[in-house]
Amino acid sequence: MKKDDRERCSWATTELYKEYHDKEWGRPVHDDRKLFEMLILEGMQAGLSWLTILNKRRAFREAFDEFDYQKVALYDEAKMDALMQNANIVRNRLKINSAIINARQFIKVQEEYGSFDAFIWSYVEGRPIHNHFKSETDIPATTPLSDKISKDLKKRGFKFVGSTIVYAYMQAIGIVNDHVERCYLYVPQ
């Protein structure tokens, strides 16, 4: 097997991180189910490492009905209790409850905009932001745009959508491409 010596962002240190970095991070997502999945996973990540979430991703998909927001929106107390017993996911009642609340709010946004995709991408007029950072230390945790989206989501009743989580979400769904200049996925403009 040929060794992969492509230069990546410095955080892509494990095989799982490399796969996520190479195939997902910074790539535009327009599928509502995938947009919902990433919103929930970013909220679950709060206070934890992203590697923890990636390692549990398959279990999250199974536990949350493949992130079918229509099903998640109908979860009741019994389902929440069952999720709290699932050792393969993050067992935090506030985070699990937020996934259910966010599914309901997600559907309301779809009803208003036709899709969540239309809503979230309207912030950038459908065009990704390609940043030009030399180092990962230059990448901000929040931006005025993540502040704005966070405020809007909170106003709409979403939970676990602070500006830092929203900025990570923007990176995860490709609204923002923050691959650094030395990374092979960097997009010069």
N, C-alpha and C. Protein backbone atom coordinates (compact mmCIF):
# COMPACT_ATOMS: atom_id res chain seq x y z
N MET A 1 0.84 -1.18 0.00
CA MET A 1 0.00 0.00 0.00
C MET A 1 0.89 1.24 0.00
N LYS A 2 0.54 2.18 -0.84
CA LYS A 2 1.33 3.41 -0.96
C LYS A 2 1.05 4.33 0.24
N LYS A 3 2.11 4.87 0.78
CA LYS A 3 1.97 5.80 1.90
C LYS A 3 1.36 7.11 1.40
N ASP A 4 0.42 7.61 2.17
CA ASP A 4 -0.24 8.88 1.82
C ASP A 4 0.51 10.01 2.51
N ASP A 5 1.33 10.75 1.76
CA ASP A 5 2.06 11.85 2.37
C ASP A 5 1.54 13.21 1.95
N ARG A 6 0.27 13.28 1.57
CA ARG A 6 -0.30 14.60 1.27
C ARG A 6 -0.29 15.43 2.55
N GLU A 7 0.00 16.70 2.38
CA GLU A 7 0.00 17.58 3.55
C GLU A 7 -1.42 18.01 3.86
N ARG A 8 -1.79 17.85 5.12
CA ARG A 8 -3.14 18.16 5.59
C ARG A 8 -3.08 19.21 6.69
N CYS A 9 -4.26 19.67 7.08
CA CYS A 9 -4.36 20.51 8.27
C CYS A 9 -3.82 19.71 9.45
N SER A 10 -3.17 20.38 10.37
CA SER A 10 -2.42 19.69 11.43
C SER A 10 -3.28 18.86 12.37
N TRP A 11 -4.58 19.13 12.43
CA TRP A 11 -5.44 18.36 13.34
C TRP A 11 -5.76 16.97 12.79
N ALA A 12 -5.54 16.72 11.51
CA ALA A 12 -5.85 15.42 10.90
C ALA A 12 -4.73 14.43 11.22
N THR A 13 -4.71 13.96 12.45
CA THR A 13 -3.59 13.16 12.96
C THR A 13 -3.87 11.66 12.99
N THR A 14 -5.13 11.25 13.01
CA THR A 14 -5.47 9.82 13.04
C THR A 14 -6.12 9.44 11.71
N GLU A 15 -6.24 8.15 11.47
CA GLU A 15 -6.88 7.70 10.22
C GLU A 15 -8.32 8.20 10.14
N LEU A 16 -9.04 8.17 11.26
CA LEU A 16 -10.43 8.65 11.27
C LEU A 16 -10.50 10.15 10.99
N TYR A 17 -9.60 10.90 11.62
CA TYR A 17 -9.54 12.34 11.35
C TYR A 17 -9.18 12.61 9.89
N LYS A 18 -8.21 11.86 9.37
CA LYS A 18 -7.79 12.06 7.97
C LYS A 18 -8.96 11.80 7.02
N GLU A 19 -9.71 10.73 7.27
CA GLU A 19 -10.86 10.41 6.42
C GLU A 19 -11.89 11.53 6.48
N TYR A 20 -12.19 12.01 7.68
CA TYR A 20 -13.15 13.11 7.84
C TYR A 20 -12.63 14.38 7.15
N HIS A 21 -11.37 14.69 7.38
CA HIS A 21 -10.73 15.86 6.79
C HIS A 21 -10.79 15.80 5.26
N ASP A 22 -10.44 14.65 4.70
CA ASP A 22 -10.33 14.50 3.25
C ASP A 22 -11.67 14.44 2.54
N LYS A 23 -12.67 13.85 3.17
CA LYS A 23 -13.94 13.58 2.48
C LYS A 23 -15.11 14.46 2.89
N GLU A 24 -15.00 15.15 4.05
CA GLU A 24 -16.16 15.89 4.53
C GLU A 24 -15.88 17.35 4.89
N TRP A 25 -14.91 17.58 5.75
CA TRP A 25 -14.72 18.89 6.36
C TRP A 25 -14.47 19.96 5.29
N GLY A 26 -15.28 20.99 5.31
CA GLY A 26 -15.12 22.09 4.36
C GLY A 26 -15.79 21.86 3.02
N ARG A 27 -16.42 20.70 2.83
CA ARG A 27 -17.11 20.40 1.56
C ARG A 27 -18.58 20.77 1.69
N PRO A 28 -19.10 21.52 0.74
CA PRO A 28 -20.51 21.95 0.81
C PRO A 28 -21.49 20.78 0.90
N VAL A 29 -22.40 20.90 1.88
CA VAL A 29 -23.46 19.91 2.10
C VAL A 29 -24.79 20.60 1.82
N HIS A 30 -25.63 19.94 1.03
CA HIS A 30 -26.94 20.51 0.70
C HIS A 30 -28.09 19.54 0.99
N ASP A 31 -27.78 18.38 1.54
CA ASP A 31 -28.79 17.39 1.87
C ASP A 31 -29.31 17.66 3.29
N ASP A 32 -30.63 17.85 3.42
CA ASP A 32 -31.17 18.22 4.72
C ASP A 32 -30.89 17.20 5.82
N ARG A 33 -30.94 15.92 5.51
CA ARG A 33 -30.66 14.92 6.55
C ARG A 33 -29.22 15.04 7.03
N LYS A 34 -28.31 15.23 6.11
CA LYS A 34 -26.89 15.38 6.48
C LYS A 34 -26.69 16.69 7.26
N LEU A 35 -27.39 17.75 6.85
CA LEU A 35 -27.31 19.02 7.58
C LEU A 35 -27.81 18.85 9.01
N PHE A 36 -28.87 18.06 9.17
CA PHE A 36 -29.39 17.79 10.52
C PHE A 36 -28.40 16.95 11.32
N GLU A 37 -27.84 15.92 10.70
CA GLU A 37 -26.86 15.08 11.39
C GLU A 37 -25.71 15.92 11.93
N MET A 38 -25.16 16.77 11.08
CA MET A 38 -24.00 17.55 11.51
C MET A 38 -24.38 18.56 12.60
N LEU A 39 -25.58 19.12 12.52
CA LEU A 39 -26.04 20.04 13.57
C LEU A 39 -26.10 19.32 14.92
N ILE A 40 -26.64 18.11 14.92
CA ILE A 40 -26.76 17.35 16.16
C ILE A 40 -25.37 16.92 16.65
N LEU A 41 -24.53 16.43 15.76
CA LEU A 41 -23.20 15.99 16.18
C LEU A 41 -22.36 17.14 16.72
N GLU A 42 -22.46 18.30 16.10
CA GLU A 42 -21.71 19.46 16.62
C GLU A 42 -22.19 19.83 18.02
N GLY A 43 -23.49 19.76 18.25
CA GLY A 43 -24.01 20.02 19.59
C GLY A 43 -23.56 18.97 20.59
N MET A 44 -23.52 17.72 20.17
CA MET A 44 -23.06 16.63 21.04
C MET A 44 -21.59 16.79 21.39
N GLN A 45 -20.84 17.42 20.49
CA GLN A 45 -19.40 17.56 20.68
C GLN A 45 -19.05 18.58 21.76
N ALA A 46 -19.95 19.49 22.08
CA ALA A 46 -19.65 20.56 23.04
C ALA A 46 -18.97 19.99 24.29
N GLY A 47 -17.75 20.47 24.56
CA GLY A 47 -17.00 20.04 25.73
C GLY A 47 -16.22 18.74 25.54
N LEU A 48 -16.35 18.14 24.36
CA LEU A 48 -15.66 16.88 24.08
C LEU A 48 -14.77 17.07 22.85
N SER A 49 -13.98 16.07 22.53
CA SER A 49 -13.18 16.15 21.32
C SER A 49 -14.02 15.69 20.13
N TRP A 50 -13.71 16.22 18.96
CA TRP A 50 -14.42 15.80 17.76
C TRP A 50 -14.12 14.32 17.46
N LEU A 51 -12.94 13.86 17.84
CA LEU A 51 -12.58 12.46 17.64
C LEU A 51 -13.53 11.54 18.42
N THR A 52 -13.91 11.96 19.61
CA THR A 52 -14.88 11.19 20.40
C THR A 52 -16.17 11.02 19.62
N ILE A 53 -16.63 12.11 19.02
CA ILE A 53 -17.88 12.09 18.25
C ILE A 53 -17.72 11.21 17.01
N LEU A 54 -16.62 11.36 16.29
CA LEU A 54 -16.40 10.54 15.10
C LEU A 54 -16.37 9.05 15.45
N ASN A 55 -15.76 8.72 16.59
CA ASN A 55 -15.71 7.32 17.02
C ASN A 55 -17.10 6.78 17.37
N LYS A 56 -18.00 7.64 17.77
CA LYS A 56 -19.35 7.23 18.15
C LYS A 56 -20.37 7.48 17.04
N ARG A 57 -19.93 7.95 15.91
CA ARG A 57 -20.84 8.38 14.85
C ARG A 57 -21.79 7.28 14.39
N ARG A 58 -21.27 6.08 14.15
CA ARG A 58 -22.12 4.96 13.73
C ARG A 58 -23.20 4.69 14.78
N ALA A 59 -22.80 4.72 16.05
CA ALA A 59 -23.76 4.48 17.14
C ALA A 59 -24.80 5.60 17.21
N PHE A 60 -24.36 6.84 16.98
CA PHE A 60 -25.32 7.95 16.94
C PHE A 60 -26.34 7.73 15.82
N ARG A 61 -25.85 7.33 14.66
CA ARG A 61 -26.76 7.11 13.53
C ARG A 61 -27.80 6.05 13.87
N GLU A 62 -27.35 4.97 14.48
CA GLU A 62 -28.28 3.90 14.86
C GLU A 62 -29.25 4.38 15.93
N ALA A 63 -28.74 5.06 16.94
CA ALA A 63 -29.58 5.51 18.06
C ALA A 63 -30.61 6.56 17.64
N PHE A 64 -30.24 7.40 16.68
CA PHE A 64 -31.12 8.50 16.25
C PHE A 64 -31.74 8.24 14.87
N ASP A 65 -32.08 6.96 14.61
CA ASP A 65 -32.81 6.61 13.39
C ASP A 65 -32.18 7.22 12.14
N GLU A 66 -30.86 7.06 12.01
CA GLU A 66 -30.13 7.59 10.84
C GLU A 66 -30.35 9.10 10.66
N PHE A 67 -30.59 9.78 11.75
CA PHE A 67 -30.82 11.23 11.77
C PHE A 67 -32.01 11.63 10.91
N ASP A 68 -33.04 10.80 10.96
CA ASP A 68 -34.31 11.12 10.32
C ASP A 68 -35.03 12.11 11.25
N TYR A 69 -34.95 13.39 10.91
CA TYR A 69 -35.48 14.43 11.81
C TYR A 69 -36.98 14.29 12.02
N GLN A 70 -37.70 13.72 11.06
CA GLN A 70 -39.14 13.50 11.24
C GLN A 70 -39.37 12.52 12.40
N LYS A 71 -38.56 11.48 12.49
CA LYS A 71 -38.68 10.51 13.58
C LYS A 71 -38.18 11.10 14.89
N VAL A 72 -37.03 11.77 14.84
CA VAL A 72 -36.44 12.33 16.06
C VAL A 72 -37.39 13.35 16.69
N ALA A 73 -38.10 14.11 15.87
CA ALA A 73 -39.04 15.12 16.38
C ALA A 73 -40.16 14.49 17.20
N LEU A 74 -40.42 13.20 16.99
CA LEU A 74 -41.50 12.51 17.70
C LEU A 74 -41.03 11.75 18.94
N TYR A 75 -39.75 11.81 19.24
CA TYR A 75 -39.23 11.08 20.40
C TYR A 75 -39.93 11.58 21.66
N ASP A 76 -40.25 10.61 22.54
CA ASP A 76 -40.91 10.93 23.80
C ASP A 76 -39.97 10.64 24.97
N GLU A 77 -40.50 10.74 26.17
CA GLU A 77 -39.70 10.54 27.38
C GLU A 77 -39.12 9.12 27.43
N ALA A 78 -39.89 8.14 26.99
CA ALA A 78 -39.41 6.75 27.00
C ALA A 78 -38.21 6.60 26.06
N LYS A 79 -38.29 7.22 24.90
CA LYS A 79 -37.17 7.15 23.96
C LYS A 79 -35.95 7.88 24.53
N MET A 80 -36.20 9.01 25.17
CA MET A 80 -35.09 9.75 25.78
C MET A 80 -34.44 8.88 26.86
N ASP A 81 -35.23 8.20 27.67
CA ASP A 81 -34.67 7.32 28.71
C ASP A 81 -33.85 6.19 28.08
N ALA A 82 -34.35 5.63 26.97
CA ALA A 82 -33.61 4.57 26.28
C ALA A 82 -32.27 5.11 25.75
N LEU A 83 -32.28 6.31 25.19
CA LEU A 83 -31.04 6.92 24.71
C LEU A 83 -30.06 7.15 25.86
N MET A 84 -30.59 7.53 27.02
CA MET A 84 -29.73 7.76 28.18
C MET A 84 -29.06 6.46 28.66
N GLN A 85 -29.62 5.32 28.30
CA GLN A 85 -29.05 4.02 28.68
C GLN A 85 -28.05 3.50 27.64
N ASN A 86 -27.96 4.18 26.50
CA ASN A 86 -27.11 3.72 25.40
C ASN A 86 -25.67 4.18 25.63
N ALA A 87 -24.84 3.25 26.07
CA ALA A 87 -23.43 3.56 26.42
C ALA A 87 -22.59 3.89 25.19
N ASN A 88 -23.11 3.68 24.00
CA ASN A 88 -22.34 3.91 22.78
C ASN A 88 -22.43 5.35 22.26
N ILE A 89 -23.28 6.16 22.88
CA ILE A 89 -23.41 7.57 22.49
C ILE A 89 -23.07 8.46 23.67
N VAL A 90 -23.12 9.75 23.47
CA VAL A 90 -22.93 10.71 24.57
C VAL A 90 -24.23 10.74 25.36
N ARG A 91 -24.16 10.33 26.61
CA ARG A 91 -25.36 10.25 27.44
C ARG A 91 -25.48 11.50 28.31
N ASN A 92 -25.93 12.54 27.69
CA ASN A 92 -26.13 13.81 28.37
C ASN A 92 -27.58 14.21 28.08
N ARG A 93 -28.37 14.26 29.12
CA ARG A 93 -29.82 14.51 28.95
C ARG A 93 -30.09 15.82 28.23
N LEU A 94 -29.35 16.86 28.56
CA LEU A 94 -29.57 18.16 27.90
C LEU A 94 -29.26 18.07 26.41
N LYS A 95 -28.19 17.37 26.06
CA LYS A 95 -27.83 17.24 24.65
C LYS A 95 -28.82 16.36 23.89
N ILE A 96 -29.25 15.28 24.51
CA ILE A 96 -30.23 14.40 23.86
C ILE A 96 -31.55 15.15 23.68
N ASN A 97 -31.98 15.86 24.72
CA ASN A 97 -33.21 16.65 24.61
C ASN A 97 -33.07 17.73 23.53
N SER A 98 -31.89 18.31 23.43
CA SER A 98 -31.69 19.35 22.41
C SER A 98 -31.82 18.77 21.00
N ALA A 99 -31.40 17.52 20.81
CA ALA A 99 -31.54 16.88 19.50
C ALA A 99 -33.02 16.78 19.11
N ILE A 100 -33.85 16.45 20.08
CA ILE A 100 -35.30 16.31 19.84
C ILE A 100 -35.91 17.69 19.55
N ILE A 101 -35.57 18.66 20.38
CA ILE A 101 -36.05 20.04 20.16
C ILE A 101 -35.58 20.55 18.80
N ASN A 102 -34.31 20.33 18.49
CA ASN A 102 -33.76 20.82 17.23
C ASN A 102 -34.41 20.16 16.03
N ALA A 103 -34.80 18.89 16.15
CA ALA A 103 -35.51 18.22 15.05
C ALA A 103 -36.84 18.94 14.79
N ARG A 104 -37.54 19.30 15.84
CA ARG A 104 -38.82 20.00 15.69
C ARG A 104 -38.63 21.38 15.06
N GLN A 105 -37.60 22.08 15.50
CA GLN A 105 -37.33 23.41 14.96
C GLN A 105 -36.83 23.32 13.52
N PHE A 106 -36.07 22.29 13.23
CA PHE A 106 -35.54 22.04 11.89
C PHE A 106 -36.71 21.92 10.91
N ILE A 107 -37.72 21.17 11.29
CA ILE A 107 -38.91 20.98 10.45
C ILE A 107 -39.64 22.31 10.24
N LYS A 108 -39.72 23.12 11.29
CA LYS A 108 -40.37 24.44 11.15
C LYS A 108 -39.61 25.32 10.16
N VAL A 109 -38.28 25.27 10.21
CA VAL A 109 -37.48 26.03 9.25
C VAL A 109 -37.73 25.51 7.84
N GLN A 110 -37.80 24.21 7.68
CA GLN A 110 -38.10 23.63 6.36
C GLN A 110 -39.44 24.14 5.84
N GLU A 111 -40.43 24.18 6.72
CA GLU A 111 -41.76 24.64 6.31
C GLU A 111 -41.72 26.10 5.87
N GLU A 112 -40.89 26.90 6.53
CA GLU A 112 -40.78 28.32 6.20
C GLU A 112 -39.97 28.57 4.93
N TYR A 113 -38.88 27.83 4.76
CA TYR A 113 -37.93 28.09 3.66
C TYR A 113 -37.98 27.07 2.52
N GLY A 114 -38.72 26.00 2.70
CA GLY A 114 -38.76 24.94 1.69
C GLY A 114 -37.75 23.85 1.98
N SER A 115 -36.64 24.20 2.61
CA SER A 115 -35.62 23.24 3.06
C SER A 115 -34.72 23.95 4.07
N PHE A 116 -34.08 23.17 4.91
CA PHE A 116 -33.11 23.76 5.82
C PHE A 116 -31.91 24.25 5.02
N ASP A 117 -31.61 23.53 3.96
CA ASP A 117 -30.51 23.92 3.06
C ASP A 117 -30.71 25.35 2.56
N ALA A 118 -31.90 25.66 2.10
CA ALA A 118 -32.18 27.02 1.59
C ALA A 118 -31.97 28.05 2.69
N PHE A 119 -32.38 27.72 3.90
CA PHE A 119 -32.23 28.63 5.04
C PHE A 119 -30.76 28.87 5.37
N ILE A 120 -30.02 27.79 5.63
CA ILE A 120 -28.65 27.94 6.15
C ILE A 120 -27.72 28.53 5.10
N TRP A 121 -27.90 28.14 3.83
CA TRP A 121 -27.03 28.66 2.78
C TRP A 121 -27.40 30.07 2.36
N SER A 122 -28.56 30.56 2.76
CA SER A 122 -28.94 31.94 2.42
C SER A 122 -28.01 32.94 3.10
N TYR A 123 -27.38 32.53 4.19
CA TYR A 123 -26.46 33.43 4.90
C TYR A 123 -25.24 33.79 4.06
N VAL A 124 -24.92 32.93 3.09
CA VAL A 124 -23.75 33.18 2.24
C VAL A 124 -24.15 33.22 0.77
N GLU A 125 -25.42 33.45 0.53
CA GLU A 125 -25.97 33.51 -0.83
C GLU A 125 -25.58 32.28 -1.65
N GLY A 126 -25.51 31.13 -0.97
CA GLY A 126 -25.25 29.87 -1.64
C GLY A 126 -23.80 29.62 -2.02
N ARG A 127 -22.90 30.54 -1.65
CA ARG A 127 -21.49 30.40 -2.04
C ARG A 127 -20.60 30.25 -0.79
N PRO A 128 -19.80 29.19 -0.76
CA PRO A 128 -18.91 28.98 0.40
C PRO A 128 -17.90 30.12 0.57
N ILE A 129 -17.54 30.33 1.79
CA ILE A 129 -16.48 31.28 2.14
C ILE A 129 -15.17 30.49 2.16
N HIS A 130 -14.21 30.90 1.36
CA HIS A 130 -12.89 30.25 1.34
C HIS A 130 -11.91 31.18 2.05
N ASN A 131 -11.54 30.77 3.26
CA ASN A 131 -10.59 31.59 4.01
C ASN A 131 -9.16 31.25 3.62
N HIS A 132 -8.26 32.12 4.00
CA HIS A 132 -6.85 31.99 3.61
C HIS A 132 -5.97 32.12 4.85
N PHE A 133 -5.96 31.06 5.63
CA PHE A 133 -5.17 31.06 6.86
C PHE A 133 -3.88 30.28 6.65
N LYS A 134 -2.79 30.83 7.15
CA LYS A 134 -1.49 30.16 7.05
C LYS A 134 -1.38 29.04 8.08
N SER A 135 -1.98 29.25 9.23
CA SER A 135 -1.85 28.30 10.33
C SER A 135 -3.20 28.07 10.99
N GLU A 136 -3.35 26.90 11.60
CA GLU A 136 -4.59 26.60 12.32
C GLU A 136 -4.81 27.57 13.48
N THR A 137 -3.74 28.13 14.02
CA THR A 137 -3.90 29.08 15.12
C THR A 137 -4.55 30.38 14.65
N ASP A 138 -4.56 30.61 13.34
CA ASP A 138 -5.21 31.81 12.79
C ASP A 138 -6.72 31.66 12.64
N ILE A 139 -7.20 30.41 12.68
CA ILE A 139 -8.63 30.16 12.46
C ILE A 139 -9.41 30.58 13.71
N PRO A 140 -10.42 31.42 13.55
CA PRO A 140 -11.17 31.89 14.71
C PRO A 140 -12.13 30.82 15.24
N ALA A 141 -12.53 30.95 16.49
CA ALA A 141 -13.54 30.06 17.07
C ALA A 141 -14.94 30.54 16.72
N THR A 142 -15.06 31.84 16.50
CA THR A 142 -16.35 32.45 16.12
C THR A 142 -16.07 33.58 15.14
N THR A 143 -17.11 33.98 14.44
CA THR A 143 -17.03 35.12 13.53
C THR A 143 -18.32 35.92 13.66
N PRO A 144 -18.37 37.12 13.14
CA PRO A 144 -19.64 37.86 13.16
C PRO A 144 -20.77 37.06 12.48
N LEU A 145 -20.45 36.28 11.44
CA LEU A 145 -21.48 35.49 10.78
C LEU A 145 -21.96 34.35 11.68
N SER A 146 -21.05 33.67 12.37
CA SER A 146 -21.49 32.60 13.28
C SER A 146 -22.30 33.18 14.43
N ASP A 147 -21.94 34.40 14.87
CA ASP A 147 -22.74 35.08 15.90
C ASP A 147 -24.16 35.32 15.40
N LYS A 148 -24.27 35.78 14.16
CA LYS A 148 -25.58 36.09 13.57
C LYS A 148 -26.44 34.83 13.41
N ILE A 149 -25.84 33.76 12.88
CA ILE A 149 -26.59 32.51 12.69
C ILE A 149 -26.99 31.94 14.04
N SER A 150 -26.07 31.96 15.00
CA SER A 150 -26.36 31.46 16.34
C SER A 150 -27.55 32.20 16.95
N LYS A 151 -27.53 33.51 16.84
CA LYS A 151 -28.61 34.33 17.40
C LYS A 151 -29.95 33.98 16.73
N ASP A 152 -29.92 33.80 15.42
CA ASP A 152 -31.14 33.46 14.68
C ASP A 152 -31.65 32.07 15.09
N LEU A 153 -30.75 31.10 15.17
CA LEU A 153 -31.16 29.75 15.57
C LEU A 153 -31.75 29.74 16.99
N LYS A 154 -31.10 30.45 17.89
CA LYS A 154 -31.61 30.52 19.27
C LYS A 154 -32.99 31.16 19.30
N LYS A 155 -33.17 32.23 18.52
CA LYS A 155 -34.46 32.90 18.45
C LYS A 155 -35.55 31.94 17.95
N ARG A 156 -35.16 31.02 17.09
CA ARG A 156 -36.09 30.04 16.54
C ARG A 156 -36.29 28.84 17.47
N GLY A 157 -35.60 28.82 18.61
CA GLY A 157 -35.80 27.76 19.59
C GLY A 157 -34.79 26.63 19.57
N PHE A 158 -33.78 26.72 18.73
CA PHE A 158 -32.75 25.68 18.69
C PHE A 158 -31.90 25.73 19.96
N LYS A 159 -31.36 24.58 20.35
CA LYS A 159 -30.51 24.46 21.54
C LYS A 159 -29.11 23.99 21.12
N PHE A 160 -28.12 24.27 21.96
CA PHE A 160 -26.72 23.92 21.71
C PHE A 160 -26.27 24.48 20.35
N VAL A 161 -26.53 25.76 20.18
CA VAL A 161 -26.16 26.44 18.93
C VAL A 161 -25.47 27.77 19.24
N GLY A 162 -24.57 27.74 20.22
CA GLY A 162 -23.77 28.92 20.50
C GLY A 162 -22.87 29.22 19.31
N SER A 163 -22.29 30.38 19.31
CA SER A 163 -21.50 30.82 18.16
C SER A 163 -20.32 29.89 17.84
N THR A 164 -19.66 29.34 18.85
CA THR A 164 -18.53 28.42 18.61
C THR A 164 -19.02 27.14 17.94
N ILE A 165 -20.13 26.60 18.43
CA ILE A 165 -20.72 25.39 17.82
C ILE A 165 -21.15 25.70 16.40
N VAL A 166 -21.76 26.86 16.19
CA VAL A 166 -22.22 27.22 14.85
C VAL A 166 -21.04 27.38 13.90
N TYR A 167 -19.94 27.97 14.37
CA TYR A 167 -18.79 28.11 13.46
C TYR A 167 -18.24 26.73 13.07
N ALA A 168 -18.15 25.82 14.04
CA ALA A 168 -17.71 24.46 13.73
C ALA A 168 -18.68 23.80 12.75
N TYR A 169 -19.97 24.07 12.91
CA TYR A 169 -20.99 23.55 11.99
C TYR A 169 -20.79 24.12 10.59
N MET A 170 -20.51 25.41 10.51
CA MET A 170 -20.27 26.05 9.22
C MET A 170 -19.08 25.39 8.50
N GLN A 171 -18.05 25.05 9.26
CA GLN A 171 -16.89 24.35 8.69
C GLN A 171 -17.28 22.94 8.25
N ALA A 172 -18.05 22.26 9.09
CA ALA A 172 -18.42 20.87 8.82
C ALA A 172 -19.28 20.73 7.57
N ILE A 173 -20.13 21.73 7.30
CA ILE A 173 -21.04 21.63 6.14
C ILE A 173 -20.54 22.45 4.95
N GLY A 174 -19.34 22.98 5.06
CA GLY A 174 -18.71 23.64 3.92
C GLY A 174 -19.16 25.05 3.63
N ILE A 175 -19.94 25.66 4.52
CA ILE A 175 -20.24 27.08 4.35
C ILE A 175 -18.94 27.85 4.44
N VAL A 176 -18.04 27.34 5.28
CA VAL A 176 -16.71 27.92 5.42
C VAL A 176 -15.69 26.84 5.10
N ASN A 177 -14.71 27.16 4.28
CA ASN A 177 -13.61 26.27 3.99
C ASN A 177 -12.37 26.86 4.67
N ASP A 178 -11.96 26.22 5.76
CA ASP A 178 -10.83 26.71 6.54
C ASP A 178 -9.58 25.83 6.41
N HIS A 179 -9.47 25.07 5.33
CA HIS A 179 -8.23 24.33 5.12
C HIS A 179 -7.11 25.37 4.99
N VAL A 180 -6.04 25.16 5.74
CA VAL A 180 -4.94 26.13 5.74
C VAL A 180 -4.15 26.06 4.45
N GLU A 181 -3.37 27.08 4.18
CA GLU A 181 -2.69 27.23 2.89
C GLU A 181 -1.76 26.06 2.53
N ARG A 182 -1.17 25.40 3.49
CA ARG A 182 -0.25 24.29 3.17
C ARG A 182 -1.01 22.99 2.91
N CYS A 183 -2.31 22.94 3.24
CA CYS A 183 -3.11 21.71 3.08
C CYS A 183 -3.44 21.48 1.61
N TYR A 184 -3.43 20.22 1.22
CA TYR A 184 -3.70 19.91 -0.18
C TYR A 184 -5.15 20.24 -0.59
N LEU A 185 -6.03 20.45 0.38
CA LEU A 185 -7.42 20.80 0.07
C LEU A 185 -7.68 22.31 0.13
N TYR A 186 -6.64 23.07 0.35
CA TYR A 186 -6.78 24.53 0.36
C TYR A 186 -7.27 25.01 -1.01
N VAL A 187 -8.18 25.98 -1.00
CA VAL A 187 -8.73 26.54 -2.25
C VAL A 187 -8.25 27.98 -2.39
N PRO A 188 -7.24 28.22 -3.24
CA PRO A 188 -6.80 29.60 -3.45
C PRO A 188 -7.83 30.37 -4.28
N GLN A 189 -7.95 31.65 -3.99
CA GLN A 189 -8.92 32.47 -4.74
C GLN A 189 -8.29 33.77 -5.13
